[in-house]
Amino acid sequence: MSGQAVFQIDKADNVATALEDLEPGTAAVHGDPVQETITVAEEIPTGHKLALCNIANGETIVKYGVVIGCATKDISIGQWVHLHNMKSLYDARSSSLDVVTGAPTDTHYE
């Protein structure tokens, strides 16, 4: 797909935000980019994060120039960064939320 775009907020960020639904292929990096383009490795929804570099399990996720979370498994460049492979350092429940809906999976209703 041509014309795809992501936004890197700060040069220190290791993730960028998808400006549209992304498909595997090349995307332009806007904002304060370290690189002009990136190869998208998988489908990523609008508004979600994309790894700008390889991020090892336990390493921090940086957005806005600040640490927002840490990787819970290895994340390769161009992959989707979300609840399935990172956890928030601000919200202890983030790792128990459904990846698609964001609904808590640790609460059961009868």
PDB file of N, CA and C in Angstrom:
ATOM      1  N   MET A   1       0.847  -1.180   0.000  1.00  0.00           N
ATOM      2  CA  MET A   1       0.000   0.000   0.000  1.00  0.00           C
ATOM      3  C   MET A   1       0.885   1.233   0.000  1.00  0.00           C
ATOM      4  N   SER A   2       0.607   2.217  -0.823  1.00  0.00           N
ATOM      5  CA  SER A   2       1.413   3.429  -0.862  1.00  0.00           C
ATOM      6  C   SER A   2       0.724   4.530  -0.081  1.00  0.00           C
ATOM      7  N   GLY A   3       1.514   5.504   0.372  1.00  0.00           N
ATOM      8  CA  GLY A   3       0.951   6.647   1.062  1.00  0.00           C
ATOM      9  C   GLY A   3       0.672   6.429   2.541  1.00  0.00           C
ATOM     10  N   GLN A   4       1.083   5.310   3.127  1.00  0.00           N
ATOM     11  CA  GLN A   4       0.868   5.078   4.542  1.00  0.00           C
ATOM     12  C   GLN A   4       1.734   6.036   5.357  1.00  0.00           C
ATOM     13  N   ALA A   5       1.242   6.385   6.560  1.00  0.00           N
ATOM     14  CA  ALA A   5       1.989   7.334   7.376  1.00  0.00           C
ATOM     15  C   ALA A   5       1.857   7.027   8.860  1.00  0.00           C
ATOM     16  N   VAL A   6       2.970   7.276   9.573  1.00  0.00           N
ATOM     17  CA  VAL A   6       2.999   7.191  11.033  1.00  0.00           C
ATOM     18  C   VAL A   6       3.583   8.495  11.553  1.00  0.00           C
ATOM     19  N   PHE A   7       3.420   8.737  12.871  1.00  0.00           N
ATOM     20  CA  PHE A   7       3.885   9.980  13.467  1.00  0.00           C
ATOM     21  C   PHE A   7       4.771   9.676  14.670  1.00  0.00           C
ATOM     22  N   GLN A   8       6.016  10.149  14.612  1.00  0.00           N
ATOM     23  CA  GLN A   8       6.944  10.036  15.738  1.00  0.00           C
ATOM     24  C   GLN A   8       6.942  11.376  16.457  1.00  0.00           C
ATOM     25  N   ILE A   9       6.529  11.380  17.713  1.00  0.00           N
ATOM     26  CA  ILE A   9       6.352  12.623  18.457  1.00  0.00           C
ATOM     27  C   ILE A   9       7.687  13.247  18.852  1.00  0.00           C
ATOM     28  N   ASP A  10       8.629  12.437  19.287  1.00  0.00           N
ATOM     29  CA  ASP A  10       9.916  12.933  19.797  1.00  0.00           C
ATOM     30  C   ASP A  10      11.031  12.037  19.268  1.00  0.00           C
ATOM     31  N   LYS A  11      12.199  12.609  19.017  1.00  0.00           N
ATOM     32  CA  LYS A  11      13.328  11.813  18.504  1.00  0.00           C
ATOM     33  C   LYS A  11      13.719  10.668  19.449  1.00  0.00           C
ATOM     34  N   ALA A  12      13.419  10.802  20.741  1.00  0.00           N
ATOM     35  CA  ALA A  12      13.756   9.760  21.715  1.00  0.00           C
ATOM     36  C   ALA A  12      12.785   8.585  21.676  1.00  0.00           C
ATOM     37  N   ASP A  13      11.641   8.734  20.993  1.00  0.00           N
ATOM     38  CA  ASP A  13      10.622   7.680  20.953  1.00  0.00           C
ATOM     39  C   ASP A  13      11.118   6.442  20.212  1.00  0.00           C
ATOM     40  N   ASN A  14      10.738   5.263  20.738  1.00  0.00           N
ATOM     41  CA  ASN A  14      11.024   4.024  20.011  1.00  0.00           C
ATOM     42  C   ASN A  14       9.749   3.444  19.399  1.00  0.00           C
ATOM     43  N   VAL A  15       8.657   4.227  19.459  1.00  0.00           N
ATOM     44  CA  VAL A  15       7.399   3.881  18.795  1.00  0.00           C
ATOM     45  C   VAL A  15       6.866   5.110  18.069  1.00  0.00           C
ATOM     46  N   ALA A  16       6.052   4.852  17.051  1.00  0.00           N
ATOM     47  CA  ALA A  16       5.340   5.908  16.336  1.00  0.00           C
ATOM     48  C   ALA A  16       3.869   5.530  16.321  1.00  0.00           C
ATOM     49  N   THR A  17       3.010   6.495  16.046  1.00  0.00           N
ATOM     50  CA  THR A  17       1.568   6.282  16.031  1.00  0.00           C
ATOM     51  C   THR A  17       1.068   6.161  14.595  1.00  0.00           C
ATOM     52  N   ALA A  18       0.251   5.143  14.335  1.00  0.00           N
ATOM     53  CA  ALA A  18      -0.327   4.949  13.002  1.00  0.00           C
ATOM     54  C   ALA A  18      -1.346   6.050  12.726  1.00  0.00           C
ATOM     55  N   LEU A  19      -1.189   6.782  11.641  1.00  0.00           N
ATOM     56  CA  LEU A  19      -2.115   7.852  11.275  1.00  0.00           C
ATOM     57  C   LEU A  19      -3.305   7.339  10.482  1.00  0.00           C
ATOM     58  N   GLU A  20      -3.282   6.050  10.172  1.00  0.00           N
ATOM     59  CA  GLU A  20      -4.352   5.376   9.439  1.00  0.00           C
ATOM     60  C   GLU A  20      -4.172   3.882   9.668  1.00  0.00           C
ATOM     61  N   ASP A  21      -5.136   3.075   9.287  1.00  0.00           N
ATOM     62  CA  ASP A  21      -4.941   1.629   9.349  1.00  0.00           C
ATOM     63  C   ASP A  21      -3.763   1.277   8.448  1.00  0.00           C
ATOM     64  N   LEU A  22      -2.803   0.549   9.003  1.00  0.00           N
ATOM     65  CA  LEU A  22      -1.598   0.203   8.247  1.00  0.00           C
ATOM     66  C   LEU A  22      -1.632  -1.251   7.799  1.00  0.00           C
ATOM     67  N   GLU A  23      -1.043  -1.486   6.638  1.00  0.00           N
ATOM     68  CA  GLU A  23      -0.848  -2.832   6.099  1.00  0.00           C
ATOM     69  C   GLU A  23       0.642  -3.043   5.905  1.00  0.00           C
ATOM     70  N   PRO A  24       1.098  -4.283   5.827  1.00  0.00           N
ATOM     71  CA  PRO A  24       2.531  -4.510   5.600  1.00  0.00           C
ATOM     72  C   PRO A  24       3.015  -3.738   4.373  1.00  0.00           C
ATOM     73  N   GLY A  25       4.169  -3.122   4.516  1.00  0.00           N
ATOM     74  CA  GLY A  25       4.742  -2.312   3.446  1.00  0.00           C
ATOM     75  C   GLY A  25       5.422  -1.091   4.037  1.00  0.00           C
ATOM     76  N   THR A  26       5.705  -0.127   3.198  1.00  0.00           N
ATOM     77  CA  THR A  26       6.419   1.079   3.616  1.00  0.00           C
ATOM     78  C   THR A  26       5.458   2.150   4.103  1.00  0.00           C
ATOM     79  N   ALA A  27       5.888   2.868   5.147  1.00  0.00           N
ATOM     80  CA  ALA A  27       5.129   4.014   5.647  1.00  0.00           C
ATOM     81  C   ALA A  27       6.090   5.177   5.852  1.00  0.00           C
ATOM     82  N   ALA A  28       5.636   6.391   5.550  1.00  0.00           N
ATOM     83  CA  ALA A  28       6.412   7.597   5.816  1.00  0.00           C
ATOM     84  C   ALA A  28       6.326   7.910   7.305  1.00  0.00           C
ATOM     85  N   VAL A  29       7.442   8.393   7.864  1.00  0.00           N
ATOM     86  CA  VAL A  29       7.469   8.775   9.274  1.00  0.00           C
ATOM     87  C   VAL A  29       7.452  10.297   9.345  1.00  0.00           C
ATOM     88  N   HIS A  30       6.398  10.851   9.943  1.00  0.00           N
ATOM     89  CA  HIS A  30       6.233  12.303  10.085  1.00  0.00           C
ATOM     90  C   HIS A  30       6.502  12.718  11.522  1.00  0.00           C
ATOM     91  N   GLY A  31       6.510  14.016  11.775  1.00  0.00           N
ATOM     92  CA  GLY A  31       6.707  14.539  13.121  1.00  0.00           C
ATOM     93  C   GLY A  31       8.155  14.911  13.337  1.00  0.00           C
ATOM     94  N   ASP A  32       8.790  14.241  14.301  1.00  0.00           N
ATOM     95  CA  ASP A  32      10.195  14.469  14.629  1.00  0.00           C
ATOM     96  C   ASP A  32      10.960  13.167  14.387  1.00  0.00           C
ATOM     97  N   PRO A  33      10.985  12.736  13.113  1.00  0.00           N
ATOM     98  CA  PRO A  33      11.513  11.392  12.827  1.00  0.00           C
ATOM     99  C   PRO A  33      13.031  11.282  12.862  1.00  0.00           C
ATOM    100  N   VAL A  34      13.476  10.089  13.241  1.00  0.00           N
ATOM    101  CA  VAL A  34      14.884   9.733  13.144  1.00  0.00           C
ATOM    102  C   VAL A  34      15.150   9.174  11.750  1.00  0.00           C
ATOM    103  N   GLN A  35      14.131   8.557  11.157  1.00  0.00           N
ATOM    104  CA  GLN A  35      14.223   7.982   9.818  1.00  0.00           C
ATOM    105  C   GLN A  35      13.015   8.443   9.009  1.00  0.00           C
ATOM    106  N   GLU A  36      13.141   8.510   7.706  1.00  0.00           N
ATOM    107  CA  GLU A  36      12.067   9.021   6.850  1.00  0.00           C
ATOM    108  C   GLU A  36      10.976   8.006   6.569  1.00  0.00           C
ATOM    109  N   THR A  37      11.339   6.723   6.556  1.00  0.00           N
ATOM    110  CA  THR A  37      10.363   5.668   6.284  1.00  0.00           C
ATOM    111  C   THR A  37      10.610   4.494   7.221  1.00  0.00           C
ATOM    112  N   ILE A  38       9.604   3.636   7.306  1.00  0.00           N
ATOM    113  CA  ILE A  38       9.716   2.395   8.070  1.00  0.00           C
ATOM    114  C   ILE A  38       8.934   1.320   7.350  1.00  0.00           C
ATOM    115  N   THR A  39       9.375   0.090   7.495  1.00  0.00           N
ATOM    116  CA  THR A  39       8.651  -1.035   6.921  1.00  0.00           C
ATOM    117  C   THR A  39       7.686  -1.578   7.960  1.00  0.00           C
ATOM    118  N   VAL A  40       6.401  -1.528   7.657  1.00  0.00           N
ATOM    119  CA  VAL A  40       5.347  -2.035   8.528  1.00  0.00           C
ATOM    120  C   VAL A  40       5.322  -3.556   8.374  1.00  0.00           C
ATOM    121  N   ALA A  41       5.380  -4.280   9.494  1.00  0.00           N
ATOM    122  CA  ALA A  41       5.481  -5.738   9.449  1.00  0.00           C
ATOM    123  C   ALA A  41       4.133  -6.451   9.463  1.00  0.00           C
ATOM    124  N   GLU A  42       3.085  -5.767   9.933  1.00  0.00           N
ATOM    125  CA  GLU A  42       1.773  -6.412  10.075  1.00  0.00           C
ATOM    126  C   GLU A  42       0.690  -5.336  10.081  1.00  0.00           C
ATOM    127  N   GLU A  43      -0.560  -5.759  10.034  1.00  0.00           N
ATOM    128  CA  GLU A  43      -1.665  -4.807  10.100  1.00  0.00           C
ATOM    129  C   GLU A  43      -1.681  -4.127  11.460  1.00  0.00           C
ATOM    130  N   ILE A  44      -1.848  -2.806  11.458  1.00  0.00           N
ATOM    131  CA  ILE A  44      -1.868  -2.022  12.690  1.00  0.00           C
ATOM    132  C   ILE A  44      -3.013  -1.010  12.587  1.00  0.00           C
ATOM    133  N   PRO A  45      -3.912  -0.997  13.575  1.00  0.00           N
ATOM    134  CA  PRO A  45      -5.053  -0.068  13.522  1.00  0.00           C
ATOM    135  C   PRO A  45      -4.635   1.393  13.702  1.00  0.00           C
ATOM    136  N   THR A  46      -5.432   2.290  13.155  1.00  0.00           N
ATOM    137  CA  THR A  46      -5.238   3.725  13.331  1.00  0.00           C
ATOM    138  C   THR A  46      -5.104   4.069  14.805  1.00  0.00           C
ATOM    139  N   GLY A  47      -4.146   4.917  15.126  1.00  0.00           N
ATOM    140  CA  GLY A  47      -3.963   5.376  16.496  1.00  0.00           C
ATOM    141  C   GLY A  47      -3.127   4.466  17.376  1.00  0.00           C
ATOM    142  N   HIS A  48      -2.771   3.291  16.863  1.00  0.00           N
ATOM    143  CA  HIS A  48      -1.967   2.359  17.650  1.00  0.00           C
ATOM    144  C   HIS A  48      -0.485   2.558  17.367  1.00  0.00           C
ATOM    145  N   LYS A  49       0.347   1.945  18.196  1.00  0.00           N
ATOM    146  CA  LYS A  49       1.786   2.140  18.121  1.00  0.00           C
ATOM    147  C   LYS A  49       2.468   1.109  17.232  1.00  0.00           C
ATOM    148  N   LEU A  50       3.576   1.548  16.626  1.00  0.00           N
ATOM    149  CA  LEU A  50       4.431   0.755  15.748  1.00  0.00           C
ATOM    150  C   LEU A  50       5.855   0.872  16.272  1.00  0.00           C
ATOM    151  N   ALA A  51       6.561  -0.239  16.386  1.00  0.00           N
ATOM    152  CA  ALA A  51       7.951  -0.211  16.856  1.00  0.00           C
ATOM    153  C   ALA A  51       8.852   0.400  15.789  1.00  0.00           C
ATOM    154  N   LEU A  52       9.634   1.401  16.181  1.00  0.00           N
ATOM    155  CA  LEU A  52      10.581   2.040  15.267  1.00  0.00           C
ATOM    156  C   LEU A  52      11.937   1.347  15.268  1.00  0.00           C
ATOM    157  N   CYS A  53      12.141   0.445  16.224  1.00  0.00           N
ATOM    158  CA  CYS A  53      13.379  -0.327  16.330  1.00  0.00           C
ATOM    159  C   CYS A  53      13.040  -1.632  17.051  1.00  0.00           C
ATOM    160  N   ASN A  54      13.971  -2.542  17.108  1.00  0.00           N
ATOM    161  CA  ASN A  54      13.760  -3.757  17.886  1.00  0.00           C
ATOM    162  C   ASN A  54      13.740  -3.385  19.366  1.00  0.00           C
ATOM    163  N   ILE A  55      12.756  -3.925  20.086  1.00  0.00           N
ATOM    164  CA  ILE A  55      12.616  -3.656  21.517  1.00  0.00           C
ATOM    165  C   ILE A  55      12.610  -5.015  22.228  1.00  0.00           C
ATOM    166  N   ALA A  56      13.575  -5.240  23.076  1.00  0.00           N
ATOM    167  CA  ALA A  56      13.690  -6.530  23.765  1.00  0.00           C
ATOM    168  C   ALA A  56      12.726  -6.625  24.941  1.00  0.00           C
ATOM    169  N   ASN A  57      12.352  -7.855  25.273  1.00  0.00           N
ATOM    170  CA  ASN A  57      11.518  -8.122  26.435  1.00  0.00           C
ATOM    171  C   ASN A  57      12.114  -7.415  27.651  1.00  0.00           C
ATOM    172  N   GLY A  58      11.299  -6.627  28.346  1.00  0.00           N
ATOM    173  CA  GLY A  58      11.749  -5.900  29.531  1.00  0.00           C
ATOM    174  C   GLY A  58      12.229  -4.493  29.261  1.00  0.00           C
ATOM    175  N   GLU A  59      12.522  -4.170  27.996  1.00  0.00           N
ATOM    176  CA  GLU A  59      12.955  -2.808  27.676  1.00  0.00           C
ATOM    177  C   GLU A  59      11.769  -1.850  27.726  1.00  0.00           C
ATOM    178  N   THR A  60      12.073  -0.583  27.916  1.00  0.00           N
ATOM    179  CA  THR A  60      11.025   0.420  28.030  1.00  0.00           C
ATOM    180  C   THR A  60      10.464   0.812  26.665  1.00  0.00           C
ATOM    181  N   ILE A  61       9.193   1.201  26.691  1.00  0.00           N
ATOM    182  CA  ILE A  61       8.516   1.772  25.530  1.00  0.00           C
ATOM    183  C   ILE A  61       8.502   3.279  25.745  1.00  0.00           C
ATOM    184  N   VAL A  62       9.026   4.033  24.773  1.00  0.00           N
ATOM    185  CA  VAL A  62       9.139   5.483  24.910  1.00  0.00           C
ATOM    186  C   VAL A  62       8.261   6.165  23.871  1.00  0.00           C
ATOM    187  N   LYS A  63       7.356   7.030  24.353  1.00  0.00           N
ATOM    188  CA  LYS A  63       6.475   7.833  23.502  1.00  0.00           C
ATOM    189  C   LYS A  63       6.372   9.202  24.162  1.00  0.00           C
ATOM    190  N   TYR A  64       6.255  10.251  23.386  1.00  0.00           N
ATOM    191  CA  TYR A  64       6.245  11.634  23.904  1.00  0.00           C
ATOM    192  C   TYR A  64       7.597  12.000  24.524  1.00  0.00           C
ATOM    193  N   GLY A  65       8.637  11.197  24.259  1.00  0.00           N
ATOM    194  CA  GLY A  65       9.933  11.430  24.862  1.00  0.00           C
ATOM    195  C   GLY A  65      10.026  10.920  26.289  1.00  0.00           C
ATOM    196  N   VAL A  66       9.003  10.198  26.759  1.00  0.00           N
ATOM    197  CA  VAL A  66       8.999   9.657  28.124  1.00  0.00           C
ATOM    198  C   VAL A  66       8.638   8.169  28.097  1.00  0.00           C
ATOM    199  N   VAL A  67       9.039   7.462  29.122  1.00  0.00           N
ATOM    200  CA  VAL A  67       8.726   6.039  29.237  1.00  0.00           C
ATOM    201  C   VAL A  67       7.242   5.893  29.572  1.00  0.00           C
ATOM    202  N   ILE A  68       6.525   5.102  28.762  1.00  0.00           N
ATOM    203  CA  ILE A  68       5.097   4.863  29.013  1.00  0.00           C
ATOM    204  C   ILE A  68       4.817   3.420  29.407  1.00  0.00           C
ATOM    205  N   GLY A  69       5.790   2.531  29.229  1.00  0.00           N
ATOM    206  CA  GLY A  69       5.562   1.121  29.542  1.00  0.00           C
ATOM    207  C   GLY A  69       6.810   0.315  29.289  1.00  0.00           C
ATOM    208  N   CYS A  70       6.643  -1.018  29.326  1.00  0.00           N
ATOM    209  CA  CYS A  70       7.767  -1.891  29.000  1.00  0.00           C
ATOM    210  C   CYS A  70       7.268  -3.091  28.211  1.00  0.00           C
ATOM    211  N   ALA A  71       8.165  -3.625  27.414  1.00  0.00           N
ATOM    212  CA  ALA A  71       7.836  -4.777  26.575  1.00  0.00           C
ATOM    213  C   ALA A  71       7.694  -6.025  27.435  1.00  0.00           C
ATOM    214  N   THR A  72       6.678  -6.824  27.133  1.00  0.00           N
ATOM    215  CA  THR A  72       6.480  -8.089  27.839  1.00  0.00           C
ATOM    216  C   THR A  72       6.976  -9.272  27.010  1.00  0.00           C
ATOM    217  N   LYS A  73       7.447  -8.985  25.805  1.00  0.00           N
ATOM    218  CA  LYS A  73       8.094  -9.971  24.929  1.00  0.00           C
ATOM    219  C   LYS A  73       8.906  -9.188  23.914  1.00  0.00           C
ATOM    220  N   ASP A  74       9.764  -9.855  23.183  1.00  0.00           N
ATOM    221  CA  ASP A  74      10.548  -9.182  22.150  1.00  0.00           C
ATOM    222  C   ASP A  74       9.610  -8.622  21.073  1.00  0.00           C
ATOM    223  N   ILE A  75       9.882  -7.388  20.641  1.00  0.00           N
ATOM    224  CA  ILE A  75       9.093  -6.727  19.603  1.00  0.00           C
ATOM    225  C   ILE A  75      10.058  -6.332  18.491  1.00  0.00           C
ATOM    226  N   SER A  76       9.766  -6.745  17.270  1.00  0.00           N
ATOM    227  CA  SER A  76      10.623  -6.425  16.129  1.00  0.00           C
ATOM    228  C   SER A  76      10.204  -5.103  15.499  1.00  0.00           C
ATOM    229  N   ILE A  77      11.152  -4.481  14.854  1.00  0.00           N
ATOM    230  CA  ILE A  77      10.888  -3.230  14.142  1.00  0.00           C
ATOM    231  C   ILE A  77       9.705  -3.430  13.191  1.00  0.00           C
ATOM    232  N   GLY A  78       8.806  -2.467  13.181  1.00  0.00           N
ATOM    233  CA  GLY A  78       7.654  -2.513  12.288  1.00  0.00           C
ATOM    234  C   GLY A  78       6.448  -3.250  12.837  1.00  0.00           C
ATOM    235  N   GLN A  79       6.585  -3.873  14.016  1.00  0.00           N
ATOM    236  CA  GLN A  79       5.459  -4.603  14.600  1.00  0.00           C
ATOM    237  C   GLN A  79       4.551  -3.687  15.407  1.00  0.00           C
ATOM    238  N   TRP A  80       3.310  -4.155  15.571  1.00  0.00           N
ATOM    239  CA  TRP A  80       2.298  -3.500  16.384  1.00  0.00           C
ATOM    240  C   TRP A  80       2.730  -3.580  17.845  1.00  0.00           C
ATOM    241  N   VAL A  81       2.692  -2.451  18.555  1.00  0.00           N
ATOM    242  CA  VAL A  81       3.014  -2.400  19.979  1.00  0.00           C
ATOM    243  C   VAL A  81       1.719  -2.085  20.714  1.00  0.00           C
ATOM    244  N   HIS A  82       1.221  -3.064  21.484  1.00  0.00           N
ATOM    245  CA  HIS A  82      -0.062  -2.897  22.164  1.00  0.00           C
ATOM    246  C   HIS A  82      -0.113  -3.844  23.367  1.00  0.00           C
ATOM    247  N   LEU A  83      -1.272  -4.071  23.887  1.00  0.00           N
ATOM    248  CA  LEU A  83      -1.455  -4.837  25.121  1.00  0.00           C
ATOM    249  C   LEU A  83      -0.952  -6.265  25.056  1.00  0.00           C
ATOM    250  N   HIS A  84      -0.806  -6.823  23.877  1.00  0.00           N
ATOM    251  CA  HIS A  84      -0.340  -8.205  23.739  1.00  0.00           C
ATOM    252  C   HIS A  84       1.175  -8.339  23.876  1.00  0.00           C
ATOM    253  N   ASN A  85       1.912  -7.219  23.825  1.00  0.00           N
ATOM    254  CA  ASN A  85       3.365  -7.317  23.921  1.00  0.00           C
ATOM    255  C   ASN A  85       4.003  -6.203  24.758  1.00  0.00           C
ATOM    256  N   MET A  86       3.177  -5.435  25.476  1.00  0.00           N
ATOM    257  CA  MET A  86       3.698  -4.419  26.389  1.00  0.00           C
ATOM    258  C   MET A  86       2.737  -4.241  27.551  1.00  0.00           C
ATOM    259  N   LYS A  87       3.226  -3.632  28.611  1.00  0.00           N
ATOM    260  CA  LYS A  87       2.346  -3.263  29.710  1.00  0.00           C
ATOM    261  C   LYS A  87       2.645  -1.824  30.100  1.00  0.00           C
ATOM    262  N   SER A  88       1.622  -1.145  30.543  1.00  0.00           N
ATOM    263  CA  SER A  88       1.755   0.228  31.001  1.00  0.00           C
ATOM    264  C   SER A  88       2.492   0.259  32.323  1.00  0.00           C
ATOM    265  N   LEU A  89       3.268   1.290  32.534  1.00  0.00           N
ATOM    266  CA  LEU A  89       3.884   1.485  33.838  1.00  0.00           C
ATOM    267  C   LEU A  89       3.039   2.433  34.679  1.00  0.00           C
ATOM    268  N   TYR A  90       1.906   2.857  34.139  1.00  0.00           N
ATOM    269  CA  TYR A  90       1.006   3.776  34.829  1.00  0.00           C
ATOM    270  C   TYR A  90      -0.271   3.093  35.294  1.00  0.00           C
ATOM    271  N   ASP A  91      -0.633   1.983  34.675  1.00  0.00           N
ATOM    272  CA  ASP A  91      -1.886   1.299  34.980  1.00  0.00           C
ATOM    273  C   ASP A  91      -1.597  -0.186  35.169  1.00  0.00           C
ATOM    274  N   ALA A  92      -1.653  -0.646  36.411  1.00  0.00           N
ATOM    275  CA  ALA A  92      -1.320  -2.035  36.714  1.00  0.00           C
ATOM    276  C   ALA A  92      -2.238  -3.027  36.014  1.00  0.00           C
ATOM    277  N   ARG A  93      -3.464  -2.619  35.637  1.00  0.00           N
ATOM    278  CA  ARG A  93      -4.408  -3.536  34.997  1.00  0.00           C
ATOM    279  C   ARG A  93      -4.206  -3.624  33.486  1.00  0.00           C
ATOM    280  N   SER A  94      -3.337  -2.851  32.903  1.00  0.00           N
ATOM    281  CA  SER A  94      -3.227  -2.801  31.446  1.00  0.00           C
ATOM    282  C   SER A  94      -2.942  -4.158  30.823  1.00  0.00           C
ATOM    283  N   SER A  95      -2.199  -5.010  31.502  1.00  0.00           N
ATOM    284  CA  SER A  95      -1.869  -6.306  30.915  1.00  0.00           C
ATOM    285  C   SER A  95      -3.023  -7.294  30.980  1.00  0.00           C
ATOM    286  N   SER A  96      -4.135  -6.921  31.652  1.00  0.00           N
ATOM    287  CA  SER A  96      -5.295  -7.815  31.714  1.00  0.00           C
ATOM    288  C   SER A  96      -6.441  -7.328  30.826  1.00  0.00           C
ATOM    289  N   LEU A  97      -6.204  -6.311  29.981  1.00  0.00           N
ATOM    290  CA  LEU A  97      -7.242  -5.798  29.101  1.00  0.00           C
ATOM    291  C   LEU A  97      -7.251  -6.539  27.774  1.00  0.00           C
ATOM    292  N   ASP A  98      -8.435  -6.736  27.204  1.00  0.00           N
ATOM    293  CA  ASP A  98      -8.574  -7.383  25.901  1.00  0.00           C
ATOM    294  C   ASP A  98      -7.892  -6.535  24.834  1.00  0.00           C
ATOM    295  N   VAL A  99      -7.097  -7.157  23.991  1.00  0.00           N
ATOM    296  CA  VAL A  99      -6.327  -6.437  22.971  1.00  0.00           C
ATOM    297  C   VAL A  99      -7.224  -5.672  22.005  1.00  0.00           C
ATOM    298  N   VAL A 100      -8.351  -6.227  21.639  1.00  0.00           N
ATOM    299  CA  VAL A 100      -9.227  -5.605  20.644  1.00  0.00           C
ATOM    300  C   VAL A 100     -10.183  -4.598  21.276  1.00  0.00           C
ATOM    301  N   THR A 101     -10.863  -5.002  22.353  1.00  0.00           N
ATOM    302  CA  THR A 101     -11.911  -4.150  22.928  1.00  0.00           C
ATOM    303  C   THR A 101     -11.429  -3.257  24.056  1.00  0.00           C
ATOM    304  N   GLY A 102     -10.325  -3.620  24.701  1.00  0.00           N
ATOM    305  CA  GLY A 102      -9.846  -2.866  25.850  1.00  0.00           C
ATOM    306  C   GLY A 102     -10.595  -3.200  27.133  1.00  0.00           C
ATOM    307  N   ALA A 103     -11.545  -4.133  27.073  1.00  0.00           N
ATOM    308  CA  ALA A 103     -12.334  -4.526  28.244  1.00  0.00           C
ATOM    309  C   ALA A 103     -11.489  -5.364  29.194  1.00  0.00           C
ATOM    310  N   PRO A 104     -11.705  -5.204  30.505  1.00  0.00           N
ATOM    311  CA  PRO A 104     -10.967  -6.014  31.469  1.00  0.00           C
ATOM    312  C   PRO A 104     -11.271  -7.503  31.295  1.00  0.00           C
ATOM    313  N   THR A 105     -10.237  -8.325  31.330  1.00  0.00           N
ATOM    314  CA  THR A 105     -10.440  -9.775  31.241  1.00  0.00           C
ATOM    315  C   THR A 105     -10.327 -10.418  32.615  1.00  0.00           C
ATOM    316  N   ASP A 106      -9.974  -9.612  33.618  1.00  0.00           N
ATOM    317  CA  ASP A 106      -9.826 -10.154  34.971  1.00  0.00           C
ATOM    318  C   ASP A 106     -11.093  -9.947  35.812  1.00  0.00           C
ATOM    319  N   THR A 107     -12.152  -9.407  35.207  1.00  0.00           N
ATOM    320  CA  THR A 107     -13.421  -9.205  35.881  1.00  0.00           C
ATOM    321  C   THR A 107     -14.467 -10.072  35.206  1.00  0.00           C
ATOM    322  N   HIS A 108     -15.158 -10.860  36.003  1.00  0.00           N
ATOM    323  CA  HIS A 108     -16.186 -11.749  35.436  1.00  0.00           C
ATOM    324  C   HIS A 108     -17.550 -11.322  35.930  1.00  0.00           C
ATOM    325  N   TYR A 109     -18.478 -11.172  35.016  1.00  0.00           N
ATOM    326  CA  TYR A 109     -19.833 -10.752  35.344  1.00  0.00           C
ATOM    327  C   TYR A 109     -20.778 -11.933  35.193  1.00  0.00           C
ATOM    328  N   GLU A 110     -21.743 -12.002  36.068  1.00  0.00           N
ATOM    329  CA  GLU A 110     -22.716 -13.098  35.997  1.00  0.00           C
ATOM    330  C   GLU A 110     -24.081 -12.560  35.647  1.00  0.00           C
TER     331      GLU A 110
END
